[in-house]
Amino acid sequence: MDACENHLLAISKVPANSGHSLHKGTPREAFIKTFLESHLPSNVAIGTGEIIDSNSRPGQKRNQYDIVIYKRSYPKLDFGGGISGFLVESVIATIEVKSYLDKAEFTNAAIAARNSKALKPNTISSFQTGYVPPGIINIVVSYDGPANMRTIHGWICGVYSSNAIKIEDLPLDGTRRIQTGSGAIDAVFVLGRGFMHFDNLPFGFVDDKIRAANPSMRWVMADTTSGNMLMLFLMLQGATANIEGKWLNAIPYLSTFQVAGIQWGA
């Protein structure tokens, strides 16, 4: 995984020679997408586009997500040009890919994350086993950014407050903690620099003793030149490795569907 991280950083220097920001960002998204497709299990797929729920309407303004990780067993809408509309019920995670992460880009990612979490899934469940995230996981991956993760952590309160994003309190109980979702961003990875994640993962470097001594803690971060891709992989692998008896309840999506001339017969 460290070799993959170094490889991504090395090949990202090629699009850096482009003169347009779009031409820099799109290849870098493709590099991350290739890494995910090569490493995640076959029960999930990788796409780009919008996320909808049963309240969404055609032409409504929506966020476009650089990378959407979704369950293959659910339908999607093909808008053309490689852009899709994903049912919120199918989405496991989104990833926003940044060439350079500054406060403005973090703000945009936080708003998009908040909007995805506000969508309402309609499913029918019979059972589940393994770790199931409390909602869509929203991740930011950047090729460059601040020198340390404390700077990114320092943006959270102001950005969340200015954009009506709830800052969740995390219970000390481990079971309840992993069932409590973030109000927006779940993790940030700056390749070759470090990572920061919301402290509701079923694994990590912080134990209950540290949490008891710091009951208000919500985030865990590290300034590290290695291990970032491994942490990203572990987050996504854990979120996709569960087994759920769950399927789409499509009826709410059909609330405006009407057909004239319905007849009955014996």
Foldseek 3Di string as FASTA:
>chain_A
DQVLLVVLLVVLVVQVPDPDQVSSFLVSLVSVQVVCVVAADPQKHKAKEFEAELPDDPPDDTDIFSIWIFGPVDDWADPDPRYIYHYQVTTAETEHEEQEDDLVNVLVQQLNQLVSQPHDAAKDFDDKDAQAALGYAYEYEYQYYDQACVVVVVSPVVSCVVNVFDADQAALDLVRRRNDDGSGHAKYHHAQFWIKGFPNDPDDDDDSVVCVVVVRDGMDMDGHRDDRVVVVSVVVNRNPVMDTRMDGPCVSNCPPPDDPDDDDDD
